Amino acid sequence: MKHWKAFAIGIIAILAATVTFVPMWRQPARGVRLLDQPTTTVAGFFIPEQSAALFIGVRKFTHDKTIEVPFAADDAVDLAYKFALDRRVRLVPPERVVIALSGRPQKHESRARLNELIDAGAKVEEAGQSDIVALLQQQAATAGKDGMLIVSIATHGYVKDGVPYILGSTSIFEYPETALPTPKLFEIAAKSEARRSVFFIDACRKRISKTERAGAMAATAAPLISRIGRVHGQVVFFAAAAGGYAYDGDGNGVFTKSVLDALDCKAARVRGAVTVETLHRYVERTVRTWIRQHRDPNIRAATQVSLDGDTHTMPLCDCEKPPPPSSSENPKSATYAGSTVTAFSAEGTRLWSRDVAGPIGHVVVDDLDSDGSREVVVATNTLAVFDRKGTHVWAIEDARRLRTFFIDDFLWRDQGRQIVVLWDDESGSRSRVAMYSGKGQRLSTYEFAGRLQHITIDRPTSHHGRKIIIAGSSTVMVLDSSLKPLWTGVLSSPSERITRLTVVDHNNDSRRDILLTTASGRVYVDFEGYMIDGSSVGLTLRMVPRKSLHPR
């Protein structure tokens, strides 16, 4: 984490690539002009939790099967994985990522990455013309001022009357009114509160295949990119030199693959980090080598870059941490029977089994210390943690019974992931909520005089911090990240019992609400403790004064 502060304060954008631009007569070249970008000022700290991202990959088109972009979905998914789950980069939490796809990724690795992104909270949506506009508006509004808006677009496109267009899956090639002008997309992004914005556009990509069509026209070749206005921290990488073309390789665009490899620490490093300058040198060298081998042995420049101020020194990823284990060595799931837990890789291969000497109630696989290597967390009467090789690394014991546990993060940012455990005694007279770090250190506790049966962690919107919601038979309360009670409520009817605790968007207003289910109805309450419309008649909450609560 020691490179994060320098990394976060500096970076605004790498405009890389994933848009296929083709002329109106459908030759397979890509071409687009870089549009003027709005001037912004970067200040304060970079907070990844305020970032939002949209990765678009249009491989298939509804109205024309002949213009498929073979690796558009792979490009979108691989970039999303790099920015959300690669521990050396991680500019945006996966739950704040939207991936708009038409067609599935082709590579097995990309399909596995897509499943991992979904499991981590990323959403997958359609990639039609109107979908792209709506999703970009949504993500631009989601990004906070101290975060970053990241947008990647992989699709076909063309230039008409000097205006570059991209195609959604439902666009019709011959009709620009069904396509999306890129100035409109930049305009939408400019409305975001985020001080930093990142666009990835692989322009003028020429497809390489046995069925390749006629050669590309010069009118669709890459333009010369003039220097952008001085914007502190902004960097623009373009996939082709002026008058040249970018190309599809094996599994990704040649340029996109070079960017991904560079951020895998294959580029030269400055004090342990890949910087803008070393990334540019690596990408230019590798793309130029590929073009000389496959297309044009006399090519000189292969890419373009525009830098502002001292941005060439900005670190992009931390290469001092050891690389995470491969998917075949890292637990992805686990099953249990009786007292035996078994871990499996992403490919379904059995990795190990362990007997924990007690009936197992719950198992979770998670990267507790955020080092890329996943642990297996097993609940019996204790909470036991095994590393990826099956070694028992630590355990938590309590005089009370372990009822359930919940793993989350962004509660205590300097502690990595957190485990929230609910303990109670056999008599049901006392319960304890305890929070532990990913290394087993107890961070905080909350004592309750009675039995708590339900627990979950959520927040009203992505702009809010997470809260811990717990409930007993007739009591509900919300705790902050240090287990300090914010409010508590009790069902007014003494005969009612809470049977279920969930969080839903009851009013479809993009704000989540707490739902308490009883035998006779439902109670809806917001995160501030106020009942809202939709609660069943006769079911109400009575708020309890703070002085009657018992935090420790």
Protein backbone atom coordinates (compact mmCIF):
# COMPACT_ATOMS: atom_id res chain seq x y z
CA MET A 1 0.00 0.00 0.00
CA LYS A 2 2.97 2.34 0.29
CA HIS A 3 2.72 3.43 -3.37
CA TRP A 4 -0.99 4.22 -3.17
CA LYS A 5 -0.70 7.81 -1.98
CA ALA A 6 1.75 8.85 -4.69
CA PHE A 7 -0.19 6.81 -7.21
CA ALA A 8 -3.56 8.23 -6.26
CA ILE A 9 -2.69 11.90 -6.11
CA GLY A 10 -1.21 11.88 -9.58
CA ILE A 11 -3.05 9.70 -12.06
CA ILE A 12 -6.01 10.93 -14.08
CA ALA A 13 -6.08 8.90 -17.25
CA ILE A 14 -4.60 6.53 -19.70
CA LEU A 15 -6.62 6.59 -22.87
CA ALA A 16 -5.78 3.28 -24.36
CA ALA A 17 -8.00 1.31 -26.60
CA THR A 18 -10.75 -0.87 -27.66
CA VAL A 19 -12.95 0.69 -30.40
CA THR A 20 -13.01 -0.66 -33.94
CA PHE A 21 -13.43 2.16 -36.44
CA VAL A 22 -14.47 1.25 -40.00
CA PRO A 23 -15.47 3.48 -42.95
CA MET A 24 -19.02 3.56 -44.22
CA TRP A 25 -18.18 1.02 -46.93
CA ARG A 26 -17.10 -1.45 -44.24
CA GLN A 27 -13.43 -1.87 -44.74
CA PRO A 28 -11.81 -3.28 -41.61
CA ALA A 29 -9.70 -0.31 -40.50
CA ARG A 30 -10.20 1.71 -37.35
CA GLY A 31 -9.93 5.48 -37.16
CA VAL A 32 -10.95 8.22 -34.74
CA ARG A 33 -9.94 11.75 -33.87
CA LEU A 34 -9.12 12.64 -30.27
CA LEU A 35 -11.62 15.19 -29.08
CA ASP A 36 -10.87 18.11 -26.81
CA GLN A 37 -11.20 17.10 -23.17
CA PRO A 38 -12.62 19.28 -20.41
CA THR A 39 -10.04 20.89 -18.16
CA THR A 40 -10.10 19.68 -14.58
CA THR A 41 -7.95 20.18 -11.54
CA VAL A 42 -6.84 17.27 -9.42
CA ALA A 43 -6.64 17.90 -5.70
CA GLY A 44 -6.92 15.97 -2.48
CA PHE A 45 -6.47 12.22 -2.09
CA PHE A 46 -7.52 9.41 -4.37
CA ILE A 47 -10.10 7.12 -2.77
CA PRO A 48 -10.76 3.94 -4.81
CA GLU A 49 -14.09 3.43 -3.03
CA GLN A 50 -15.36 6.57 -4.78
CA SER A 51 -14.40 5.32 -8.25
CA ALA A 52 -16.85 3.88 -10.76
CA ALA A 53 -16.17 2.09 -14.04
CA LEU A 54 -17.94 1.01 -17.22
CA PHE A 55 -16.31 -1.55 -19.53
CA ILE A 56 -18.08 -2.07 -22.86
CA GLY A 57 -17.38 -4.99 -25.21
CA VAL A 58 -19.54 -5.42 -28.32
CA ARG A 59 -18.48 -8.61 -30.04
CA LYS A 60 -21.78 -9.40 -31.77
CA PHE A 61 -24.25 -7.11 -33.56
CA THR A 62 -28.00 -7.74 -33.78
CA HIS A 63 -28.54 -6.60 -37.37
CA ASP A 64 -25.29 -7.65 -39.06
CA LYS A 65 -23.51 -10.90 -38.25
CA THR A 66 -20.58 -10.13 -40.58
CA ILE A 67 -19.00 -7.32 -38.55
CA GLU A 68 -18.26 -9.27 -35.38
CA VAL A 69 -15.34 -7.93 -33.32
CA PRO A 70 -13.65 -11.18 -32.26
CA PHE A 71 -12.04 -10.12 -28.97
CA ALA A 72 -14.07 -7.07 -27.94
CA ALA A 73 -15.60 -8.89 -24.97
CA ASP A 74 -12.19 -10.25 -23.94
CA ASP A 75 -10.70 -6.73 -24.04
CA ALA A 76 -13.50 -5.33 -21.86
CA VAL A 77 -13.37 -8.14 -19.29
CA ASP A 78 -9.57 -8.27 -19.09
CA LEU A 79 -9.31 -4.51 -18.50
CA ALA A 80 -12.11 -4.66 -15.90
CA TYR A 81 -10.27 -7.42 -14.08
CA LYS A 82 -7.01 -5.49 -14.19
CA PHE A 83 -8.50 -2.34 -12.68
CA ALA A 84 -10.86 -3.95 -10.15
CA LEU A 85 -9.21 -7.17 -8.96
CA ASP A 86 -5.50 -7.00 -9.78
CA ARG A 87 -4.03 -6.23 -6.38
CA ARG A 88 -1.18 -4.24 -7.94
CA VAL A 89 -3.61 -1.75 -9.52
CA ARG A 90 -7.12 -1.81 -7.95
CA LEU A 91 -8.44 1.62 -8.88
CA VAL A 92 -12.11 0.69 -8.45
CA PRO A 93 -13.98 -1.79 -6.19
CA PRO A 94 -15.61 -4.59 -8.21
CA GLU A 95 -19.08 -3.77 -6.86
CA ARG A 96 -18.77 -0.36 -8.55
CA VAL A 97 -17.97 -1.92 -11.94
CA VAL A 98 -20.49 -2.43 -14.75
CA ILE A 99 -19.55 -4.59 -17.76
CA ALA A 100 -21.77 -4.11 -20.84
CA LEU A 101 -21.38 -7.05 -23.23
CA SER A 102 -22.82 -8.34 -26.47
CA GLY A 103 -21.36 -11.80 -26.91
CA ARG A 104 -19.20 -13.71 -24.46
CA PRO A 105 -15.40 -13.60 -24.15
CA GLN A 106 -13.65 -16.22 -26.25
CA LYS A 107 -10.64 -17.04 -24.06
CA HIS A 108 -11.19 -19.45 -21.18
CA GLU A 109 -9.14 -17.14 -18.96
CA SER A 110 -11.38 -14.17 -19.78
CA ARG A 111 -14.54 -16.21 -19.12
CA ALA A 112 -13.14 -17.24 -15.72
CA ARG A 113 -12.27 -13.60 -14.98
CA LEU A 114 -15.81 -12.55 -15.85
CA ASN A 115 -17.22 -15.08 -13.38
CA GLU A 116 -14.81 -13.86 -10.71
CA LEU A 117 -15.82 -10.25 -11.32
CA ILE A 118 -19.51 -11.19 -11.01
CA ASP A 119 -18.84 -13.12 -7.79
CA ALA A 120 -17.06 -10.03 -6.43
CA GLY A 121 -20.07 -7.79 -7.13
CA ALA A 122 -19.57 -6.49 -10.69
CA LYS A 123 -22.74 -6.21 -12.78
CA VAL A 124 -23.17 -7.39 -16.37
CA GLU A 125 -25.60 -5.52 -18.62
CA GLU A 126 -26.65 -5.35 -22.27
CA ALA A 127 -24.64 -3.23 -24.70
CA GLY A 128 -27.26 -1.70 -27.02
CA GLN A 129 -27.10 1.92 -28.05
CA SER A 130 -29.49 3.17 -25.36
CA ASP A 131 -27.97 0.80 -22.77
CA ILE A 132 -24.52 2.35 -23.23
CA VAL A 133 -25.87 5.89 -22.78
CA ALA A 134 -27.89 4.98 -19.68
CA LEU A 135 -25.04 3.03 -18.08
CA LEU A 136 -22.52 5.80 -18.72
CA GLN A 137 -24.88 8.33 -17.14
CA GLN A 138 -25.32 6.01 -14.15
CA GLN A 139 -21.60 5.41 -13.62
CA ALA A 140 -20.71 9.08 -14.15
CA ALA A 141 -23.19 9.98 -11.41
CA THR A 142 -21.83 7.22 -9.15
CA ALA A 143 -18.18 8.33 -9.23
CA GLY A 144 -17.26 10.62 -6.33
CA LYS A 145 -14.98 13.65 -6.56
CA ASP A 146 -12.04 11.86 -4.91
CA GLY A 147 -12.44 8.77 -7.08
CA MET A 148 -12.03 8.09 -10.77
CA LEU A 149 -14.42 7.44 -13.66
CA ILE A 150 -13.03 4.65 -15.84
CA VAL A 151 -14.60 3.90 -19.24
CA SER A 152 -13.45 1.27 -21.73
CA ILE A 153 -15.15 0.78 -25.11
CA ALA A 154 -14.53 -2.20 -27.43
CA THR A 155 -16.72 -2.19 -30.52
CA HIS A 156 -16.90 -1.25 -34.22
CA GLY A 157 -17.05 2.34 -35.29
CA TYR A 158 -16.48 4.74 -38.13
CA VAL A 159 -15.89 8.39 -38.93
CA LYS A 160 -18.51 10.34 -40.91
CA ASP A 161 -18.28 14.05 -41.72
CA GLY A 162 -15.39 14.32 -39.31
CA VAL A 163 -17.35 12.89 -36.36
CA PRO A 164 -16.31 9.51 -34.89
CA TYR A 165 -19.11 7.11 -33.99
CA ILE A 166 -19.19 3.86 -32.03
CA LEU A 167 -21.73 1.08 -32.48
CA GLY A 168 -23.87 -0.52 -29.82
CA SER A 169 -25.04 -4.06 -30.34
CA THR A 170 -28.36 -2.81 -31.77
CA SER A 171 -26.87 -0.11 -34.03
CA ILE A 172 -27.25 -0.43 -37.81
CA PHE A 173 -24.01 0.19 -39.63
CA GLU A 174 -25.36 2.32 -42.48
CA TYR A 175 -27.36 4.66 -40.22
CA PRO A 176 -25.34 7.04 -38.01
CA GLU A 177 -28.47 8.01 -36.13
CA THR A 178 -28.42 4.51 -34.57
CA ALA A 179 -24.77 4.88 -33.49
CA LEU A 180 -23.22 6.92 -30.68
CA PRO A 181 -21.07 9.99 -31.43
CA THR A 182 -18.06 9.89 -29.12
CA PRO A 183 -18.34 13.64 -28.33
CA LYS A 184 -21.65 12.84 -26.67
CA LEU A 185 -20.01 10.19 -24.51
CA PHE A 186 -17.28 12.59 -23.40
CA GLU A 187 -19.97 15.16 -22.63
CA ILE A 188 -21.79 12.71 -20.36
CA ALA A 189 -18.56 11.77 -18.59
CA ALA A 190 -17.67 15.44 -18.09
CA LYS A 191 -20.75 15.83 -15.88
CA SER A 192 -19.31 13.46 -13.29
CA GLU A 193 -18.08 14.88 -9.97
CA ALA A 194 -14.93 12.77 -10.26
CA ARG A 195 -11.74 14.82 -10.62
CA ARG A 196 -10.18 12.04 -12.65
CA SER A 197 -11.52 10.27 -15.72
CA VAL A 198 -10.05 7.42 -17.74
CA PHE A 199 -11.12 6.43 -21.26
CA PHE A 200 -9.74 3.41 -23.11
CA ILE A 201 -10.28 3.63 -26.88
CA ASP A 202 -8.35 1.34 -29.25
CA ALA A 203 -8.74 3.39 -32.40
CA CYS A 204 -8.31 2.45 -36.07
CA ARG A 205 -7.79 -1.24 -35.34
CA LYS A 206 -7.40 -3.30 -38.51
CA ARG A 207 -8.54 -6.89 -38.17
CA ILE A 208 -6.15 -9.72 -38.97
CA SER A 209 -7.89 -12.90 -40.16
CA LYS A 210 -7.99 -15.33 -43.07
CA THR A 211 -11.19 -13.67 -44.27
CA GLU A 212 -9.75 -10.16 -44.07
CA ARG A 213 -11.48 -7.70 -46.35
CA ALA A 214 -9.90 -5.07 -48.59
CA GLY A 215 -7.13 -2.86 -47.19
CA ALA A 216 -7.91 0.08 -44.96
CA MET A 217 -8.46 3.56 -46.41
CA ALA A 218 -6.14 6.38 -45.42
CA ALA A 219 -9.15 8.48 -44.39
CA THR A 220 -9.76 6.13 -41.45
CA ALA A 221 -6.16 5.94 -40.27
CA ALA A 222 -5.16 7.34 -36.89
CA PRO A 223 -4.93 11.15 -36.78
CA LEU A 224 -2.06 13.09 -35.30
CA ILE A 225 -2.93 13.77 -31.68
CA SER A 226 -2.04 17.33 -30.69
CA ARG A 227 -1.13 18.10 -27.08
CA ILE A 228 -4.12 18.38 -24.84
CA GLY A 229 -4.64 21.48 -22.70
CA ARG A 230 -2.66 21.46 -19.48
CA VAL A 231 -4.55 19.20 -17.11
CA HIS A 232 -2.54 18.12 -14.08
CA GLY A 233 -2.04 14.36 -14.09
CA GLN A 234 -3.70 13.58 -17.43
CA VAL A 235 -2.05 11.14 -19.83
CA VAL A 236 -3.28 10.06 -23.25
CA PHE A 237 -2.04 6.89 -24.91
CA PHE A 238 -3.32 6.21 -28.43
CA ALA A 239 -3.14 2.79 -30.04
CA ALA A 240 -1.64 3.90 -33.36
CA ALA A 241 0.79 6.50 -34.68
CA ALA A 242 -0.54 9.21 -37.01
CA GLY A 243 -1.52 7.63 -40.34
CA GLY A 244 -1.17 4.13 -38.93
CA TYR A 245 -3.47 1.41 -37.70
CA ALA A 246 -3.94 -0.67 -34.57
CA TYR A 247 -4.43 -4.40 -34.87
CA ASP A 248 -6.16 -7.43 -33.39
CA GLY A 249 -3.77 -10.07 -32.13
CA ASP A 250 -4.37 -13.42 -30.51
CA GLY A 251 -7.01 -13.04 -27.81
CA ASN A 252 -6.77 -9.24 -27.40
CA GLY A 253 -5.97 -6.16 -29.39
CA VAL A 254 -2.20 -5.88 -29.81
CA PHE A 255 -2.14 -2.54 -28.01
CA THR A 256 -4.46 -3.64 -25.19
CA LYS A 257 -2.37 -6.78 -24.65
CA SER A 258 0.76 -4.63 -24.39
CA VAL A 259 -0.89 -2.38 -21.77
CA LEU A 260 -2.02 -5.41 -19.76
CA ASP A 261 1.46 -6.94 -19.93
CA ALA A 262 3.11 -3.67 -18.91
CA LEU A 263 0.85 -3.47 -15.84
CA ASP A 264 1.82 -7.05 -15.02
CA CYS A 265 5.18 -5.46 -14.17
CA LYS A 266 6.82 -6.44 -17.47
CA ALA A 267 7.61 -2.79 -18.11
CA ALA A 268 10.68 -1.21 -16.52
CA ARG A 269 10.24 -0.05 -12.93
CA VAL A 270 11.13 3.07 -11.01
CA ARG A 271 11.47 2.40 -7.27
CA GLY A 272 9.40 -0.75 -7.65
CA ALA A 273 6.57 0.73 -9.72
CA VAL A 274 5.67 0.89 -13.40
CA THR A 275 5.36 4.58 -14.30
CA VAL A 276 3.65 6.33 -17.20
CA GLU A 277 6.98 6.75 -18.97
CA THR A 278 8.09 3.12 -18.59
CA LEU A 279 4.66 1.89 -19.66
CA HIS A 280 4.81 4.07 -22.78
CA ARG A 281 8.26 2.81 -23.70
CA TYR A 282 7.20 -0.82 -23.23
CA VAL A 283 3.98 -0.45 -25.23
CA GLU A 284 5.68 1.43 -28.09
CA ARG A 285 8.46 -1.15 -28.30
CA THR A 286 6.22 -4.24 -28.18
CA VAL A 287 3.58 -2.91 -30.58
CA ARG A 288 6.24 -1.76 -33.06
CA THR A 289 7.90 -5.17 -32.92
CA TRP A 290 4.59 -6.92 -33.58
CA ILE A 291 3.75 -4.70 -36.56
CA ARG A 292 7.20 -5.20 -38.08
CA GLN A 293 6.83 -8.97 -37.78
CA HIS A 294 3.25 -9.22 -39.04
CA ARG A 295 2.37 -6.18 -41.14
CA ASP A 296 4.94 -3.55 -42.04
CA PRO A 297 8.69 -4.19 -41.58
CA ASN A 298 9.48 -0.50 -42.22
CA ILE A 299 7.21 1.06 -39.59
CA ARG A 300 8.87 3.63 -37.33
CA ALA A 301 6.43 4.87 -34.66
CA ALA A 302 3.62 2.52 -33.58
CA THR A 303 1.71 4.51 -30.93
CA GLN A 304 1.16 8.07 -29.72
CA VAL A 305 1.24 9.58 -26.26
CA SER A 306 0.45 13.01 -24.82
CA LEU A 307 1.79 13.92 -21.38
CA ASP A 308 1.15 16.91 -19.11
CA GLY A 309 3.56 18.35 -16.59
CA ASP A 310 5.51 15.69 -14.68
CA THR A 311 3.03 12.92 -15.34
CA HIS A 312 5.73 10.72 -16.90
CA THR A 313 6.88 9.90 -13.33
CA MET A 314 3.45 8.82 -12.06
CA PRO A 315 3.42 5.23 -10.68
CA LEU A 316 0.67 3.06 -12.12
CA CYS A 317 1.06 -0.18 -10.21
CA ASP A 318 3.04 -1.52 -7.26
CA CYS A 319 5.44 -4.26 -8.36
CA GLU A 320 7.10 -4.90 -5.01
CA LYS A 321 4.40 -7.29 -3.86
CA PRO A 322 4.90 -10.90 -5.00
CA PRO A 323 2.53 -12.01 -7.76
CA PRO A 324 -0.61 -13.87 -6.66
CA PRO A 325 -0.72 -17.63 -7.18
CA SER A 326 -2.19 -19.05 -10.37
CA SER A 327 -5.87 -19.98 -10.47
CA SER A 328 -4.95 -23.68 -10.39
CA GLU A 329 -3.22 -23.19 -7.00
CA ASN A 330 -5.63 -20.73 -5.39
CA PRO A 331 -8.85 -21.86 -3.66
CA LYS A 332 -11.98 -20.63 -5.43
CA SER A 333 -14.63 -22.61 -3.55
CA ALA A 334 -14.98 -25.05 -0.67
CA THR A 335 -17.45 -27.67 0.46
CA TYR A 336 -17.95 -29.37 3.80
CA ALA A 337 -19.47 -32.56 5.19
CA GLY A 338 -19.53 -33.26 8.91
CA SER A 339 -16.16 -32.07 10.20
CA THR A 340 -14.27 -32.16 6.86
CA VAL A 341 -13.70 -29.15 4.62
CA THR A 342 -12.43 -29.50 1.02
CA ALA A 343 -11.02 -26.66 -1.12
CA PHE A 344 -11.22 -26.50 -4.93
CA SER A 345 -9.49 -24.36 -7.58
CA ALA A 346 -11.30 -22.23 -10.17
CA GLU A 347 -11.01 -25.17 -12.58
CA GLY A 348 -12.75 -27.46 -10.07
CA THR A 349 -9.59 -29.37 -9.10
CA ARG A 350 -9.48 -30.63 -5.51
CA LEU A 351 -6.66 -28.84 -3.69
CA TRP A 352 -6.86 -30.23 -0.16
CA SER A 353 -9.14 -31.56 2.62
CA ARG A 354 -8.89 -31.00 6.37
CA ASP A 355 -10.69 -32.42 9.41
CA VAL A 356 -11.52 -29.60 11.86
CA ALA A 357 -12.70 -31.89 14.67
CA GLY A 358 -16.21 -30.52 14.96
CA PRO A 359 -19.41 -30.12 12.97
CA ILE A 360 -19.02 -27.34 10.38
CA GLY A 361 -21.79 -24.75 10.09
CA HIS A 362 -20.46 -22.40 7.40
CA VAL A 363 -17.46 -22.04 5.04
CA VAL A 364 -16.32 -18.98 3.06
CA VAL A 365 -13.38 -18.56 0.65
CA ASP A 366 -11.93 -15.04 0.75
CA ASP A 367 -8.70 -13.07 0.34
CA LEU A 368 -8.56 -11.84 3.93
CA ASP A 369 -5.23 -9.99 3.81
CA SER A 370 -5.61 -8.69 0.22
CA ASP A 371 -2.43 -10.38 -1.01
CA GLY A 372 -4.04 -12.23 -3.94
CA SER A 373 -3.90 -15.59 -2.12
CA ARG A 374 -7.28 -16.77 -0.81
CA GLU A 375 -7.98 -18.25 2.60
CA VAL A 376 -10.69 -20.71 3.62
CA VAL A 377 -12.68 -19.59 6.70
CA VAL A 378 -14.45 -22.39 8.57
CA ALA A 379 -17.03 -21.95 11.34
CA THR A 380 -17.52 -24.64 13.98
CA ASN A 381 -17.59 -23.66 17.66
CA THR A 382 -14.53 -21.63 16.69
CA LEU A 383 -13.57 -19.68 13.57
CA ALA A 384 -10.62 -21.37 11.86
CA VAL A 385 -8.65 -20.00 8.91
CA PHE A 386 -6.59 -22.07 6.44
CA ASP A 387 -4.27 -20.64 3.81
CA ARG A 388 -4.37 -21.63 0.12
CA LYS A 389 -2.16 -24.67 0.82
CA GLY A 390 -4.42 -25.91 3.62
CA THR A 391 -2.18 -24.82 6.50
CA HIS A 392 -4.06 -23.81 9.65
CA VAL A 393 -2.88 -20.21 10.15
CA TRP A 394 -5.05 -18.88 12.98
CA ALA A 395 -8.30 -19.41 14.89
CA ILE A 396 -10.73 -17.38 17.02
CA GLU A 397 -12.33 -18.87 20.12
CA ASP A 398 -14.93 -17.51 22.51
CA ALA A 399 -16.67 -18.85 25.58
CA ARG A 400 -19.94 -18.34 23.69
CA ARG A 401 -21.35 -20.20 20.70
CA LEU A 402 -20.52 -19.02 17.18
CA ARG A 403 -23.84 -18.41 15.45
CA THR A 404 -22.70 -16.89 12.12
CA PHE A 405 -20.08 -14.63 10.55
CA PHE A 406 -19.84 -12.11 7.74
CA ILE A 407 -16.77 -10.94 5.75
CA ASP A 408 -16.52 -7.48 4.20
CA ASP A 409 -14.14 -4.57 3.80
CA PHE A 410 -13.92 -0.76 3.71
CA LEU A 411 -14.92 -0.72 7.36
CA TRP A 412 -11.40 -0.26 8.72
CA ARG A 413 -9.37 0.55 5.61
CA ASP A 414 -5.96 0.02 7.23
CA GLN A 415 -6.89 -3.50 8.35
CA GLY A 416 -7.75 -5.12 5.00
CA ARG A 417 -10.81 -7.37 5.07
CA GLN A 418 -12.85 -7.69 8.26
CA ILE A 419 -14.73 -10.60 9.78
CA VAL A 420 -17.82 -9.76 11.80
CA VAL A 421 -18.80 -12.64 14.08
CA LEU A 422 -22.02 -13.12 16.04
CA TRP A 423 -21.59 -15.09 19.28
CA ASP A 424 -24.27 -16.01 21.83
CA ASP A 425 -24.52 -18.16 24.94
CA GLU A 426 -26.58 -21.31 25.29
CA SER A 427 -29.22 -19.62 27.44
CA GLY A 428 -29.82 -16.85 24.91
CA SER A 429 -29.44 -14.18 27.56
CA ARG A 430 -26.35 -12.52 26.07
CA SER A 431 -24.98 -11.97 22.54
CA ARG A 432 -21.76 -10.46 21.29
CA VAL A 433 -20.88 -8.94 17.93
CA ALA A 434 -17.12 -8.89 17.39
CA MET A 435 -15.06 -7.52 14.52
CA TYR A 436 -11.66 -9.04 13.61
CA SER A 437 -9.02 -8.07 11.07
CA GLY A 438 -8.02 -10.36 8.22
CA LYS A 439 -5.15 -11.56 10.42
CA GLY A 440 -7.34 -12.45 13.41
CA GLN A 441 -6.80 -9.35 15.54
CA ARG A 442 -9.91 -8.27 17.48
CA LEU A 443 -10.82 -4.72 16.52
CA SER A 444 -14.05 -4.04 18.42
CA THR A 445 -16.98 -5.68 20.20
CA TYR A 446 -20.59 -4.91 21.04
CA GLU A 447 -22.51 -6.65 23.85
CA PHE A 448 -26.28 -7.17 23.76
CA ALA A 449 -28.54 -8.30 26.58
CA GLY A 450 -30.56 -10.90 24.66
CA ARG A 451 -30.26 -13.21 21.66
CA LEU A 452 -29.31 -11.79 18.25
CA GLN A 453 -30.25 -14.05 15.36
CA HIS A 454 -29.64 -12.10 12.14
CA ILE A 455 -26.74 -10.03 10.80
CA THR A 456 -25.84 -8.42 7.48
CA ILE A 457 -23.63 -5.60 6.17
CA ASP A 458 -24.85 -3.06 3.61
CA ARG A 459 -25.25 0.65 2.85
CA PRO A 460 -28.02 2.86 1.46
CA THR A 461 -26.02 3.94 -1.63
CA SER A 462 -22.51 3.49 -3.00
CA HIS A 463 -21.65 6.96 -1.68
CA HIS A 464 -22.24 5.88 1.94
CA GLY A 465 -20.08 3.86 4.27
CA ARG A 466 -21.09 0.32 5.10
CA LYS A 467 -23.19 -0.35 8.21
CA ILE A 468 -23.73 -3.51 10.26
CA ILE A 469 -27.40 -4.41 10.69
CA ILE A 470 -28.31 -6.92 13.41
CA ALA A 471 -31.64 -8.18 14.69
CA GLY A 472 -33.01 -10.33 17.48
CA SER A 473 -36.52 -11.70 17.87
CA SER A 474 -38.06 -8.24 18.23
CA THR A 475 -35.12 -5.80 18.07
CA VAL A 476 -33.21 -4.30 15.15
CA MET A 477 -30.20 -2.00 15.31
CA VAL A 478 -27.60 -0.43 13.03
CA LEU A 479 -23.94 -0.20 14.07
CA ASP A 480 -21.15 1.77 12.43
CA SER A 481 -17.79 0.31 11.39
CA SER A 482 -16.43 0.53 14.95
CA LEU A 483 -19.52 -1.28 16.30
CA LYS A 484 -20.93 1.89 17.82
CA PRO A 485 -24.77 1.81 17.80
CA LEU A 486 -26.37 4.44 15.59
CA TRP A 487 -29.95 3.57 16.48
CA THR A 488 -32.10 0.70 17.70
CA GLY A 489 -35.78 -0.11 17.37
CA VAL A 490 -38.18 -2.60 18.92
CA LEU A 491 -41.37 -4.01 17.40
CA SER A 492 -44.27 -2.30 19.16
CA SER A 493 -46.42 -5.44 19.16
CA PRO A 494 -45.07 -7.81 21.87
CA SER A 495 -46.44 -10.88 20.05
CA GLU A 496 -44.52 -10.25 16.79
CA ARG A 497 -41.18 -11.91 16.06
CA ILE A 498 -38.61 -11.03 13.37
CA THR A 499 -38.09 -14.09 11.18
CA ARG A 500 -35.93 -12.56 8.46
CA LEU A 501 -33.62 -9.56 7.93
CA THR A 502 -32.84 -8.37 4.37
CA VAL A 503 -31.84 -5.19 2.54
CA VAL A 504 -33.82 -4.13 -0.55
CA ASP A 505 -34.53 -1.08 -2.72
CA HIS A 506 -38.15 -0.89 -1.64
CA ASN A 507 -39.12 2.36 -3.39
CA ASN A 508 -37.01 1.87 -6.54
CA ASP A 509 -35.30 5.18 -5.73
CA SER A 510 -31.71 3.82 -5.90
CA ARG A 511 -31.54 3.83 -2.09
CA ARG A 512 -31.50 0.57 -0.17
CA ASP A 513 -33.81 -0.02 2.79
CA ILE A 514 -33.93 -2.50 5.67
CA LEU A 515 -36.74 -5.08 5.51
CA LEU A 516 -37.90 -6.91 8.63
CA THR A 517 -40.18 -9.86 7.98
CA THR A 518 -42.55 -11.21 10.66
CA ALA A 519 -45.26 -13.87 10.62
CA SER A 520 -47.95 -11.28 9.90
CA GLY A 521 -46.23 -8.78 7.61
CA ARG A 522 -43.29 -6.56 6.80
CA VAL A 523 -41.62 -3.50 8.26
CA TYR A 524 -39.55 -1.21 6.02
CA VAL A 525 -37.09 1.17 7.66
CA ASP A 526 -34.34 3.33 6.15
CA PHE A 527 -30.72 3.41 7.33
CA GLU A 528 -31.50 6.44 9.52
CA GLY A 529 -34.07 4.45 11.50
CA TYR A 530 -37.26 5.95 10.02
CA MET A 531 -40.14 3.72 8.95
CA ILE A 532 -41.17 4.18 5.32
CA ASP A 533 -44.30 3.56 3.26
CA GLY A 534 -45.11 -0.06 2.52
CA SER A 535 -44.95 -1.42 6.06
CA SER A 536 -47.84 -3.68 7.03
CA VAL A 537 -50.68 -2.17 9.03
CA GLY A 538 -50.23 -2.69 12.76
CA LEU A 539 -46.48 -3.25 12.56
CA THR A 540 -44.42 -0.34 13.90
CA LEU A 541 -41.03 0.23 15.50
CA ARG A 542 -40.49 1.98 18.82
CA MET A 543 -37.11 3.73 18.93
CA VAL A 544 -35.05 3.10 22.08
CA PRO A 545 -32.98 5.96 23.58
CA ARG A 546 -29.22 5.63 23.17
CA LYS A 547 -28.64 5.51 26.92
CA SER A 548 -30.33 2.11 27.09
CA LEU A 549 -27.81 0.60 24.68
CA HIS A 550 -24.74 -1.21 25.98
CA PRO A 551 -21.67 -0.78 23.75
CA ARG A 552 -18.30 -1.89 25.00
